[in-house]
PDB file of N, CA and C in Angstrom:
ATOM      1  N   MET A   1      -3.282   6.551   5.752  1.00  0.00           N
ATOM      2  CA  MET A   1      -2.113   7.357   5.808  1.00  0.00           C
ATOM      3  C   MET A   1      -1.688   7.297   7.235  1.00  0.00           C
ATOM      4  N   ARG A   2      -0.392   7.052   7.402  1.00  0.00           N
ATOM      5  CA  ARG A   2       0.207   6.962   8.732  1.00  0.00           C
ATOM      6  C   ARG A   2       0.639   8.321   9.236  1.00  0.00           C
ATOM      7  N   TRP A   3       1.126   9.167   8.313  1.00  0.00           N
ATOM      8  CA  TRP A   3       1.650  10.527   8.652  1.00  0.00           C
ATOM      9  C   TRP A   3       1.170  11.394   7.551  1.00  0.00           C
ATOM     10  N   GLY A   4       0.340  12.348   7.873  1.00  0.00           N
ATOM     11  CA  GLY A   4      -0.248  13.231   6.938  1.00  0.00           C
ATOM     12  C   GLY A   4      -1.690  13.507   7.325  1.00  0.00           C
ATOM     13  N   ASP A   5      -2.398  14.399   6.558  1.00  0.00           N
ATOM     14  CA  ASP A   5      -3.733  14.787   6.944  1.00  0.00           C
ATOM     15  C   ASP A   5      -4.677  14.275   5.752  1.00  0.00           C
ATOM     16  N   THR A   6      -5.806  13.734   6.196  1.00  0.00           N
ATOM     17  CA  THR A   6      -6.786  13.290   5.248  1.00  0.00           C
ATOM     18  C   THR A   6      -7.631  14.500   4.824  1.00  0.00           C
ATOM     19  N   VAL A   7      -7.720  14.648   3.481  1.00  0.00           N
ATOM     20  CA  VAL A   7      -8.523  15.721   2.901  1.00  0.00           C
ATOM     21  C   VAL A   7      -9.855  15.199   2.475  1.00  0.00           C
ATOM     22  N   GLY A   8      -9.891  13.994   1.960  1.00  0.00           N
ATOM     23  CA  GLY A   8     -11.137  13.330   1.509  1.00  0.00           C
ATOM     24  C   GLY A   8     -10.794  11.913   1.176  1.00  0.00           C
ATOM     25  N   PRO A   9     -11.676  11.161   0.547  1.00  0.00           N
ATOM     26  CA  PRO A   9     -11.418   9.794   0.105  1.00  0.00           C
ATOM     27  C   PRO A   9     -10.205   9.779  -0.843  1.00  0.00           C
ATOM     28  N   ASP A  10      -9.234   9.012  -0.537  1.00  0.00           N
ATOM     29  CA  ASP A  10      -8.064   8.848  -1.401  1.00  0.00           C
ATOM     30  C   ASP A  10      -7.369  10.213  -1.686  1.00  0.00           C
ATOM     31  N   HIS A  11      -7.438  11.133  -0.758  1.00  0.00           N
ATOM     32  CA  HIS A  11      -6.915  12.457  -0.942  1.00  0.00           C
ATOM     33  C   HIS A  11      -6.180  12.908   0.369  1.00  0.00           C
ATOM     34  N   TYR A  12      -4.888  13.164   0.356  1.00  0.00           N
ATOM     35  CA  TYR A  12      -4.141  13.512   1.584  1.00  0.00           C
ATOM     36  C   TYR A  12      -3.339  14.748   1.397  1.00  0.00           C
ATOM     37  N   ARG A  13      -3.001  15.419   2.532  1.00  0.00           N
ATOM     38  CA  ARG A  13      -2.127  16.575   2.512  1.00  0.00           C
ATOM     39  C   ARG A  13      -0.866  16.239   3.367  1.00  0.00           C
ATOM     40  N   MET A  14       0.280  16.684   2.846  1.00  0.00           N
ATOM     41  CA  MET A  14       1.517  16.482   3.501  1.00  0.00           C
ATOM     42  C   MET A  14       1.485  17.101   4.879  1.00  0.00           C
ATOM     43  N   HIS A  15       2.148  16.492   5.808  1.00  0.00           N
ATOM     44  CA  HIS A  15       2.325  17.036   7.169  1.00  0.00           C
ATOM     45  C   HIS A  15       3.737  17.561   7.419  1.00  0.00           C
ATOM     46  N   VAL A  16       3.787  18.767   7.988  1.00  0.00           N
ATOM     47  CA  VAL A  16       5.119  19.373   8.337  1.00  0.00           C
ATOM     48  C   VAL A  16       5.776  18.580   9.341  1.00  0.00           C
ATOM     49  N   SER A  17       7.034  18.259   9.164  1.00  0.00           N
ATOM     50  CA  SER A  17       7.793  17.504  10.138  1.00  0.00           C
ATOM     51  C   SER A  17       8.986  18.281  10.669  1.00  0.00           C
ATOM     52  N   ASP A  18       9.291  18.047  11.949  1.00  0.00           N
ATOM     53  CA  ASP A  18      10.545  18.670  12.462  1.00  0.00           C
ATOM     54  C   ASP A  18      11.757  18.043  12.022  1.00  0.00           C
ATOM     55  N   GLU A  19      11.715  16.868  11.388  1.00  0.00           N
ATOM     56  CA  GLU A  19      12.864  16.162  10.895  1.00  0.00           C
ATOM     57  C   GLU A  19      13.287  16.458   9.521  1.00  0.00           C
ATOM     58  N   GLY A  20      12.576  17.323   8.780  1.00  0.00           N
ATOM     59  CA  GLY A  20      12.887  17.577   7.382  1.00  0.00           C
ATOM     60  C   GLY A  20      11.674  18.120   6.665  1.00  0.00           C
ATOM     61  N   PRO A  21      11.680  17.895   5.323  1.00  0.00           N
ATOM     62  CA  PRO A  21      10.633  18.372   4.497  1.00  0.00           C
ATOM     63  C   PRO A  21       9.306  17.673   4.788  1.00  0.00           C
ATOM     64  N   PRO A  22       8.215  18.395   4.427  1.00  0.00           N
ATOM     65  CA  PRO A  22       6.848  17.746   4.642  1.00  0.00           C
ATOM     66  C   PRO A  22       6.716  16.464   3.873  1.00  0.00           C
ATOM     67  N   TYR A  23       5.925  15.543   4.380  1.00  0.00           N
ATOM     68  CA  TYR A  23       5.728  14.264   3.655  1.00  0.00           C
ATOM     69  C   TYR A  23       4.441  13.617   4.233  1.00  0.00           C
ATOM     70  N   VAL A  24       3.991  12.576   3.480  1.00  0.00           N
ATOM     71  CA  VAL A  24       3.017  11.626   4.000  1.00  0.00           C
ATOM     72  C   VAL A  24       3.701  10.303   4.030  1.00  0.00           C
ATOM     73  N   GLN A  25       3.251   9.464   4.940  1.00  0.00           N
ATOM     74  CA  GLN A  25       3.758   8.088   4.916  1.00  0.00           C
ATOM     75  C   GLN A  25       2.602   7.109   4.718  1.00  0.00           C
ATOM     76  N   LEU A  26       2.755   6.322   3.716  1.00  0.00           N
ATOM     77  CA  LEU A  26       1.740   5.481   3.278  1.00  0.00           C
ATOM     78  C   LEU A  26       1.774   4.138   4.098  1.00  0.00           C
ATOM     79  N   SER A  27       0.557   3.713   4.568  1.00  0.00           N
ATOM     80  CA  SER A  27       0.394   2.377   5.094  1.00  0.00           C
ATOM     81  C   SER A  27      -0.961   1.951   4.544  1.00  0.00           C
ATOM     82  N   TYR A  28      -1.288   0.677   4.586  1.00  0.00           N
ATOM     83  CA  TYR A  28      -2.447   0.156   4.012  1.00  0.00           C
ATOM     84  C   TYR A  28      -2.964  -1.083   4.778  1.00  0.00           C
ATOM     85  N   HIS A  29      -4.227  -1.327   4.538  1.00  0.00           N
ATOM     86  CA  HIS A  29      -4.827  -2.565   5.129  1.00  0.00           C
ATOM     87  C   HIS A  29      -6.087  -2.874   4.320  1.00  0.00           C
ATOM     88  N   TRP A  30      -6.202  -4.122   3.931  1.00  0.00           N
ATOM     89  CA  TRP A  30      -7.402  -4.493   3.205  1.00  0.00           C
ATOM     90  C   TRP A  30      -7.752  -5.947   3.454  1.00  0.00           C
ATOM     91  N   TRP A  31      -8.960  -6.353   3.082  1.00  0.00           N
ATOM     92  CA  TRP A  31      -9.445  -7.660   3.219  1.00  0.00           C
ATOM     93  C   TRP A  31      -9.773  -8.305   1.906  1.00  0.00           C
ATOM     94  N   LEU A  32      -9.477  -9.556   1.755  1.00  0.00           N
ATOM     95  CA  LEU A  32      -9.837 -10.280   0.521  1.00  0.00           C
ATOM     96  C   LEU A  32     -11.113 -11.115   0.863  1.00  0.00           C
ATOM     97  N   THR A  33     -11.972 -11.131  -0.032  1.00  0.00           N
ATOM     98  CA  THR A  33     -13.192 -11.953   0.155  1.00  0.00           C
ATOM     99  C   THR A  33     -13.182 -13.121  -0.873  1.00  0.00           C
ATOM    100  N   TRP A  34     -12.995 -14.293  -0.396  1.00  0.00           N
ATOM    101  CA  TRP A  34     -12.931 -15.486  -1.205  1.00  0.00           C
ATOM    102  C   TRP A  34     -14.384 -15.937  -1.514  1.00  0.00           C
ATOM    103  N   THR A  35     -14.682 -16.102  -2.742  1.00  0.00           N
ATOM    104  CA  THR A  35     -16.061 -16.443  -3.129  1.00  0.00           C
ATOM    105  C   THR A  35     -16.198 -17.982  -3.114  1.00  0.00           C
ATOM    106  N   ASN A  36     -15.182 -18.778  -3.292  1.00  0.00           N
ATOM    107  CA  ASN A  36     -15.292 -20.266  -3.331  1.00  0.00           C
ATOM    108  C   ASN A  36     -14.398 -20.841  -2.325  1.00  0.00           C
ATOM    109  N   GLY A  37     -14.364 -20.276  -1.121  1.00  0.00           N
ATOM    110  CA  GLY A  37     -13.493 -20.834  -0.115  1.00  0.00           C
ATOM    111  C   GLY A  37     -12.086 -20.265  -0.247  1.00  0.00           C
ATOM    112  N   ARG A  38     -11.321 -20.242   0.831  1.00  0.00           N
ATOM    113  CA  ARG A  38      -9.990 -19.747   0.803  1.00  0.00           C
ATOM    114  C   ARG A  38      -9.054 -20.566  -0.024  1.00  0.00           C
ATOM    115  N   PRO A  39      -8.444 -20.031  -1.044  1.00  0.00           N
ATOM    116  CA  PRO A  39      -7.522 -20.841  -1.901  1.00  0.00           C
ATOM    117  C   PRO A  39      -6.153 -21.173  -1.353  1.00  0.00           C
ATOM    118  N   GLY A  40      -5.734 -20.501  -0.274  1.00  0.00           N
ATOM    119  CA  GLY A  40      -4.438 -20.738   0.324  1.00  0.00           C
ATOM    120  C   GLY A  40      -3.733 -19.478   0.658  1.00  0.00           C
ATOM    121  N   ASP A  41      -2.575 -19.670   1.204  1.00  0.00           N
ATOM    122  CA  ASP A  41      -1.737 -18.453   1.561  1.00  0.00           C
ATOM    123  C   ASP A  41      -1.241 -17.784   0.341  1.00  0.00           C
ATOM    124  N   CYS A  42      -0.870 -16.499   0.506  1.00  0.00           N
ATOM    125  CA  CYS A  42      -0.372 -15.741  -0.615  1.00  0.00           C
ATOM    126  C   CYS A  42       0.885 -14.942  -0.329  1.00  0.00           C
ATOM    127  N   ARG A  43       1.505 -14.522  -1.438  1.00  0.00           N
ATOM    128  CA  ARG A  43       2.646 -13.670  -1.376  1.00  0.00           C
ATOM    129  C   ARG A  43       2.372 -12.405  -2.156  1.00  0.00           C
ATOM    130  N   ALA A  44       2.690 -11.288  -1.549  1.00  0.00           N
ATOM    131  CA  ALA A  44       2.342  -9.981  -2.219  1.00  0.00           C
ATOM    132  C   ALA A  44       3.502  -9.276  -2.790  1.00  0.00           C
ATOM    133  N   HIS A  45       3.189  -8.581  -3.888  1.00  0.00           N
ATOM    134  CA  HIS A  45       4.111  -7.712  -4.593  1.00  0.00           C
ATOM    135  C   HIS A  45       3.413  -6.328  -4.637  1.00  0.00           C
ATOM    136  N   ILE A  46       4.011  -5.332  -4.012  1.00  0.00           N
ATOM    137  CA  ILE A  46       3.324  -4.133  -3.882  1.00  0.00           C
ATOM    138  C   ILE A  46       4.231  -2.981  -4.457  1.00  0.00           C
ATOM    139  N   SER A  47       3.697  -2.161  -5.268  1.00  0.00           N
ATOM    140  CA  SER A  47       4.469  -1.017  -5.805  1.00  0.00           C
ATOM    141  C   SER A  47       3.638   0.266  -5.671  1.00  0.00           C
ATOM    142  N   VAL A  48       4.329   1.393  -5.429  1.00  0.00           N
ATOM    143  CA  VAL A  48       3.808   2.647  -5.369  1.00  0.00           C
ATOM    144  C   VAL A  48       4.513   3.526  -6.374  1.00  0.00           C
ATOM    145  N   THR A  49       3.825   4.173  -7.251  1.00  0.00           N
ATOM    146  CA  THR A  49       4.459   5.019  -8.283  1.00  0.00           C
ATOM    147  C   THR A  49       3.745   6.312  -8.307  1.00  0.00           C
ATOM    148  N   GLY A  50       4.480   7.378  -8.666  1.00  0.00           N
ATOM    149  CA  GLY A  50       3.983   8.761  -8.719  1.00  0.00           C
ATOM    150  C   GLY A  50       5.145   9.700  -9.018  1.00  0.00           C
ATOM    151  N   PRO A  51       4.954  10.987  -8.913  1.00  0.00           N
ATOM    152  CA  PRO A  51       6.024  11.949  -9.233  1.00  0.00           C
ATOM    153  C   PRO A  51       7.279  11.775  -8.383  1.00  0.00           C
ATOM    154  N   GLY A  52       8.301  11.378  -9.135  1.00  0.00           N
ATOM    155  CA  GLY A  52       9.607  11.094  -8.439  1.00  0.00           C
ATOM    156  C   GLY A  52       9.670   9.937  -7.512  1.00  0.00           C
ATOM    157  N   LEU A  53       8.759   9.030  -7.637  1.00  0.00           N
ATOM    158  CA  LEU A  53       8.733   7.855  -6.723  1.00  0.00           C
ATOM    159  C   LEU A  53       8.440   6.609  -7.418  1.00  0.00           C
ATOM    160  N   GLN A  54       9.226   5.578  -7.151  1.00  0.00           N
ATOM    161  CA  GLN A  54       8.974   4.176  -7.561  1.00  0.00           C
ATOM    162  C   GLN A  54       9.432   3.353  -6.437  1.00  0.00           C
ATOM    163  N   SER A  55       8.463   2.793  -5.622  1.00  0.00           N
ATOM    164  CA  SER A  55       8.752   2.046  -4.472  1.00  0.00           C
ATOM    165  C   SER A  55       8.137   0.617  -4.701  1.00  0.00           C
ATOM    166  N   HIS A  56       8.950  -0.355  -4.313  1.00  0.00           N
ATOM    167  CA  HIS A  56       8.453  -1.770  -4.549  1.00  0.00           C
ATOM    168  C   HIS A  56       8.795  -2.601  -3.324  1.00  0.00           C
ATOM    169  N   PHE A  57       7.857  -3.470  -2.938  1.00  0.00           N
ATOM    170  CA  PHE A  57       8.063  -4.317  -1.846  1.00  0.00           C
ATOM    171  C   PHE A  57       7.601  -5.731  -2.243  1.00  0.00           C
ATOM    172  N   ASP A  58       8.409  -6.738  -1.955  1.00  0.00           N
ATOM    173  CA  ASP A  58       8.018  -8.117  -2.259  1.00  0.00           C
ATOM    174  C   ASP A  58       8.099  -8.957  -1.013  1.00  0.00           C
ATOM    175  N   GLU A  59       7.046  -9.758  -0.793  1.00  0.00           N
ATOM    176  CA  GLU A  59       7.069 -10.723   0.290  1.00  0.00           C
ATOM    177  C   GLU A  59       7.845 -11.968  -0.260  1.00  0.00           C
ATOM    178  N   SER A  60       8.727 -12.447   0.580  1.00  0.00           N
ATOM    179  CA  SER A  60       9.455 -13.605   0.193  1.00  0.00           C
ATOM    180  C   SER A  60       8.788 -14.936   0.542  1.00  0.00           C
ATOM    181  N   LYS A  61       7.876 -14.929   1.497  1.00  0.00           N
ATOM    182  CA  LYS A  61       7.160 -16.139   1.876  1.00  0.00           C
ATOM    183  C   LYS A  61       5.684 -16.055   1.582  1.00  0.00           C
ATOM    184  N   PHE A  62       5.001 -17.170   1.559  1.00  0.00           N
ATOM    185  CA  PHE A  62       3.548 -17.149   1.404  1.00  0.00           C
ATOM    186  C   PHE A  62       2.819 -16.901   2.704  1.00  0.00           C
ATOM    187  N   ASP A  63       2.989 -15.713   3.299  1.00  0.00           N
ATOM    188  CA  ASP A  63       2.359 -15.385   4.527  1.00  0.00           C
ATOM    189  C   ASP A  63       1.744 -14.028   4.490  1.00  0.00           C
ATOM    190  N   ALA A  64       1.441 -13.502   3.345  1.00  0.00           N
ATOM    191  CA  ALA A  64       0.824 -12.179   3.278  1.00  0.00           C
ATOM    192  C   ALA A  64      -0.676 -12.140   3.615  1.00  0.00           C
ATOM    193  N   CYS A  65      -1.387 -13.152   3.310  1.00  0.00           N
ATOM    194  CA  CYS A  65      -2.784 -13.186   3.536  1.00  0.00           C
ATOM    195  C   CYS A  65      -3.123 -13.971   4.788  1.00  0.00           C
ATOM    196  N   TRP A  66      -3.800 -13.342   5.739  1.00  0.00           N
ATOM    197  CA  TRP A  66      -4.068 -14.120   6.934  1.00  0.00           C
ATOM    198  C   TRP A  66      -5.330 -14.936   6.833  1.00  0.00           C
ATOM    199  N   GLY A  67      -5.620 -15.686   7.830  1.00  0.00           N
ATOM    200  CA  GLY A  67      -6.806 -16.589   7.811  1.00  0.00           C
ATOM    201  C   GLY A  67      -8.128 -15.982   7.397  1.00  0.00           C
ATOM    202  N   ASP A  68      -8.394 -14.767   7.801  1.00  0.00           N
ATOM    203  CA  ASP A  68      -9.611 -14.070   7.420  1.00  0.00           C
ATOM    204  C   ASP A  68      -9.475 -13.320   6.076  1.00  0.00           C
ATOM    205  N   GLY A  69      -8.370 -13.395   5.409  1.00  0.00           N
ATOM    206  CA  GLY A  69      -8.151 -12.729   4.128  1.00  0.00           C
ATOM    207  C   GLY A  69      -7.689 -11.311   4.299  1.00  0.00           C
ATOM    208  N   SER A  70      -7.290 -10.942   5.539  1.00  0.00           N
ATOM    209  CA  SER A  70      -6.804  -9.525   5.696  1.00  0.00           C
ATOM    210  C   SER A  70      -5.334  -9.401   5.395  1.00  0.00           C
ATOM    211  N   MET A  71      -4.897  -8.167   5.109  1.00  0.00           N
ATOM    212  CA  MET A  71      -3.532  -7.905   4.877  1.00  0.00           C
ATOM    213  C   MET A  71      -3.234  -6.522   5.198  1.00  0.00           C
ATOM    214  N   ARG A  72      -2.076  -6.250   5.778  1.00  0.00           N
ATOM    215  CA  ARG A  72      -1.775  -4.838   6.203  1.00  0.00           C
ATOM    216  C   ARG A  72      -0.275  -4.581   6.063  1.00  0.00           C
ATOM    217  N   SER A  73       0.106  -3.387   5.926  1.00  0.00           N
ATOM    218  CA  SER A  73       1.569  -3.088   5.876  1.00  0.00           C
ATOM    219  C   SER A  73       2.082  -2.950   7.322  1.00  0.00           C
ATOM    220  N   ASP A  74       3.346  -3.133   7.439  1.00  0.00           N
ATOM    221  CA  ASP A  74       4.082  -2.851   8.626  1.00  0.00           C
ATOM    222  C   ASP A  74       4.901  -1.619   8.258  1.00  0.00           C
ATOM    223  N   PRO A  75       4.479  -0.403   8.734  1.00  0.00           N
ATOM    224  CA  PRO A  75       5.114   0.811   8.265  1.00  0.00           C
ATOM    225  C   PRO A  75       6.664   0.772   8.446  1.00  0.00           C
ATOM    226  N   GLY A  76       7.132   0.111   9.447  1.00  0.00           N
ATOM    227  CA  GLY A  76       8.579   0.016   9.655  1.00  0.00           C
ATOM    228  C   GLY A  76       9.254  -0.795   8.545  1.00  0.00           C
ATOM    229  N   ARG A  77       8.520  -1.646   7.922  1.00  0.00           N
ATOM    230  CA  ARG A  77       9.088  -2.501   6.909  1.00  0.00           C
ATOM    231  C   ARG A  77       8.684  -2.083   5.460  1.00  0.00           C
ATOM    232  N   THR A  78       7.372  -1.653   5.351  1.00  0.00           N
ATOM    233  CA  THR A  78       6.938  -1.322   3.949  1.00  0.00           C
ATOM    234  C   THR A  78       6.469   0.094   3.869  1.00  0.00           C
ATOM    235  N   GLY A  79       6.559   0.927   4.932  1.00  0.00           N
ATOM    236  CA  GLY A  79       6.062   2.253   4.826  1.00  0.00           C
ATOM    237  C   GLY A  79       6.818   3.090   3.785  1.00  0.00           C
ATOM    238  N   THR A  80       6.074   3.839   2.994  1.00  0.00           N
ATOM    239  CA  THR A  80       6.689   4.668   1.941  1.00  0.00           C
ATOM    240  C   THR A  80       6.443   6.063   2.227  1.00  0.00           C
ATOM    241  N   ARG A  81       7.521   6.869   2.357  1.00  0.00           N
ATOM    242  CA  ARG A  81       7.392   8.323   2.546  1.00  0.00           C
ATOM    243  C   ARG A  81       7.222   8.962   1.191  1.00  0.00           C
ATOM    244  N   ILE A  82       6.270   9.894   1.050  1.00  0.00           N
ATOM    245  CA  ILE A  82       6.086  10.567  -0.159  1.00  0.00           C
ATOM    246  C   ILE A  82       6.294  12.058   0.148  1.00  0.00           C
ATOM    247  N   TYR A  83       7.259  12.595  -0.695  1.00  0.00           N
ATOM    248  CA  TYR A  83       7.681  13.975  -0.504  1.00  0.00           C
ATOM    249  C   TYR A  83       7.205  14.896  -1.604  1.00  0.00           C
ATOM    250  N   ASN A  84       6.683  14.402  -2.643  1.00  0.00           N
ATOM    251  CA  ASN A  84       6.230  15.290  -3.819  1.00  0.00           C
ATOM    252  C   ASN A  84       4.689  15.209  -3.912  1.00  0.00           C
ATOM    253  N   PRO A  85       4.046  16.380  -4.061  1.00  0.00           N
ATOM    254  CA  PRO A  85       2.627  16.307  -4.326  1.00  0.00           C
ATOM    255  C   PRO A  85       2.342  15.700  -5.723  1.00  0.00           C
ATOM    256  N   GLY A  86       1.107  15.192  -5.820  1.00  0.00           N
ATOM    257  CA  GLY A  86       0.739  14.660  -7.142  1.00  0.00           C
ATOM    258  C   GLY A  86      -0.207  13.473  -7.030  1.00  0.00           C
ATOM    259  N   VAL A  87      -0.427  12.799  -8.123  1.00  0.00           N
ATOM    260  CA  VAL A  87      -1.303  11.613  -8.156  1.00  0.00           C
ATOM    261  C   VAL A  87      -0.395  10.364  -8.139  1.00  0.00           C
ATOM    262  N   TYR A  88      -0.719   9.434  -7.217  1.00  0.00           N
ATOM    263  CA  TYR A  88       0.110   8.222  -7.087  1.00  0.00           C
ATOM    264  C   TYR A  88      -0.776   7.031  -7.306  1.00  0.00           C
ATOM    265  N   THR A  89      -0.207   5.918  -7.652  1.00  0.00           N
ATOM    266  CA  THR A  89      -0.911   4.592  -7.815  1.00  0.00           C
ATOM    267  C   THR A  89      -0.228   3.559  -6.988  1.00  0.00           C
ATOM    268  N   ILE A  90      -1.039   2.879  -6.167  1.00  0.00           N
ATOM    269  CA  ILE A  90      -0.512   1.624  -5.482  1.00  0.00           C
ATOM    270  C   ILE A  90      -1.092   0.472  -6.193  1.00  0.00           C
ATOM    271  N   SER A  91      -0.211  -0.386  -6.510  1.00  0.00           N
ATOM    272  CA  SER A  91      -0.585  -1.663  -7.214  1.00  0.00           C
ATOM    273  C   SER A  91      -0.212  -2.883  -6.350  1.00  0.00           C
ATOM    274  N   VAL A  92      -1.093  -3.875  -6.269  1.00  0.00           N
ATOM    275  CA  VAL A  92      -0.847  -5.010  -5.530  1.00  0.00           C
ATOM    276  C   VAL A  92      -1.090  -6.200  -6.392  1.00  0.00           C
ATOM    277  N   ASP A  93      -0.083  -7.093  -6.474  1.00  0.00           N
ATOM    278  CA  ASP A  93      -0.183  -8.435  -7.172  1.00  0.00           C
ATOM    279  C   ASP A  93      -0.055  -9.509  -6.113  1.00  0.00           C
ATOM    280  N   LEU A  94      -0.908 -10.488  -6.103  1.00  0.00           N
ATOM    281  CA  LEU A  94      -0.827 -11.591  -5.210  1.00  0.00           C
ATOM    282  C   LEU A  94      -0.560 -12.856  -5.941  1.00  0.00           C
ATOM    283  N   ASP A  95       0.440 -13.606  -5.458  1.00  0.00           N
ATOM    284  CA  ASP A  95       0.671 -14.974  -5.932  1.00  0.00           C
ATOM    285  C   ASP A  95       0.133 -15.836  -4.860  1.00  0.00           C
ATOM    286  N   ILE A  96      -0.925 -16.691  -5.155  1.00  0.00           N
ATOM    287  CA  ILE A  96      -1.555 -17.515  -4.218  1.00  0.00           C
ATOM    288  C   ILE A  96      -0.953 -18.910  -4.327  1.00  0.00           C
ATOM    289  N   ALA A  97      -0.840 -19.594  -3.152  1.00  0.00           N
ATOM    290  CA  ALA A  97      -0.098 -20.864  -3.075  1.00  0.00           C
ATOM    291  C   ALA A  97      -0.597 -21.921  -4.004  1.00  0.00           C
ATOM    292  N   ASN A  98      -1.880 -21.795  -4.404  1.00  0.00           N
ATOM    293  CA  ASN A  98      -2.537 -22.775  -5.289  1.00  0.00           C
ATOM    294  C   ASN A  98      -2.222 -22.457  -6.752  1.00  0.00           C
ATOM    295  N   GLY A  99      -1.471 -21.381  -7.045  1.00  0.00           N
ATOM    296  CA  GLY A  99      -1.160 -21.085  -8.450  1.00  0.00           C
ATOM    297  C   GLY A  99      -1.909 -19.918  -9.021  1.00  0.00           C
ATOM    298  N   GLN A 100      -3.017 -19.518  -8.364  1.00  0.00           N
ATOM    299  CA  GLN A 100      -3.858 -18.378  -8.852  1.00  0.00           C
ATOM    300  C   GLN A 100      -3.094 -17.101  -8.594  1.00  0.00           C
ATOM    301  N   THR A 101      -3.391 -15.990  -9.355  1.00  0.00           N
ATOM    302  CA  THR A 101      -2.850 -14.694  -9.115  1.00  0.00           C
ATOM    303  C   THR A 101      -4.077 -13.696  -9.035  1.00  0.00           C
ATOM    304  N   MET A 102      -3.822 -12.584  -8.371  1.00  0.00           N
ATOM    305  CA  MET A 102      -4.852 -11.528  -8.363  1.00  0.00           C
ATOM    306  C   MET A 102      -4.019 -10.202  -8.455  1.00  0.00           C
ATOM    307  N   HIS A 103      -4.746  -9.205  -9.031  1.00  0.00           N
ATOM    308  CA  HIS A 103      -4.149  -7.837  -9.223  1.00  0.00           C
ATOM    309  C   HIS A 103      -5.208  -6.832  -8.892  1.00  0.00           C
ATOM    310  N   THR A 104      -4.819  -5.710  -8.260  1.00  0.00           N
ATOM    311  CA  THR A 104      -5.622  -4.575  -8.052  1.00  0.00           C
ATOM    312  C   THR A 104      -4.726  -3.326  -7.954  1.00  0.00           C
ATOM    313  N   SER A 105      -5.332  -2.195  -8.214  1.00  0.00           N
ATOM    314  CA  SER A 105      -4.550  -0.948  -8.080  1.00  0.00           C
ATOM    315  C   SER A 105      -5.589   0.194  -7.730  1.00  0.00           C
ATOM    316  N   LYS A 106      -5.041   1.194  -7.135  1.00  0.00           N
ATOM    317  CA  LYS A 106      -5.864   2.315  -6.696  1.00  0.00           C
ATOM    318  C   LYS A 106      -5.048   3.610  -6.731  1.00  0.00           C
ATOM    319  N   GLN A 107      -5.621   4.708  -7.182  1.00  0.00           N
ATOM    320  CA  GLN A 107      -4.969   5.972  -7.205  1.00  0.00           C
ATOM    321  C   GLN A 107      -5.366   6.794  -6.026  1.00  0.00           C
ATOM    322  N   PHE A 108      -4.338   7.674  -5.584  1.00  0.00           N
ATOM    323  CA  PHE A 108      -4.684   8.667  -4.549  1.00  0.00           C
ATOM    324  C   PHE A 108      -3.908   9.893  -4.797  1.00  0.00           C
ATOM    325  N   THR A 109      -4.344  11.017  -4.301  1.00  0.00           N
ATOM    326  CA  THR A 109      -3.727  12.265  -4.446  1.00  0.00           C
ATOM    327  C   THR A 109      -3.068  12.853  -3.189  1.00  0.00           C
ATOM    328  N   VAL A 110      -1.916  13.419  -3.389  1.00  0.00           N
ATOM    329  CA  VAL A 110      -1.187  14.055  -2.255  1.00  0.00           C
ATOM    330  C   VAL A 110      -0.997  15.544  -2.572  1.00  0.00           C
ATOM    331  N   ASP A 111      -1.503  16.386  -1.650  1.00  0.00           N
ATOM    332  CA  ASP A 111      -1.380  17.822  -1.734  1.00  0.00           C
ATOM    333  C   ASP A 111      -0.193  18.350  -1.011  1.00  0.00           C
ATOM    334  N   PRO A 112       0.431  19.437  -1.343  1.00  0.00           N
ATOM    335  CA  PRO A 112       1.533  20.028  -0.590  1.00  0.00           C
ATOM    336  C   PRO A 112       1.011  20.475   0.858  1.00  0.00           C
ATOM    337  N   ALA A 113       1.918  20.667   1.745  1.00  0.00           N
ATOM    338  CA  ALA A 113       1.533  21.094   3.116  1.00  0.00           C
ATOM    339  C   ALA A 113       0.921  22.481   3.142  1.00  0.00           C
TER     340      ALA A 113
END
């Protein structure tokens, strides 16, 4: 979480802002572990859904996965502000340059301020 308070694993509380209503701002970072060698660069399709929110980000180039298999959001480009408490799901679909695909998703909870 880039803006907000951590309550526990995958559980956050909105932070009061001087700029408007309380919110959390989502950012992420993960690593991919290739079991049979690195299959190539990848393009990511990321969505966040939950109460009153459907956010989607698509990479246009095959540059989402770095040499070590890590990937992270750039909050200025992909940061999602969440204004409503509830349970959210982030889903990630990867198109790998060699034609393979991967999918994962994770739920997290946002509490009011």
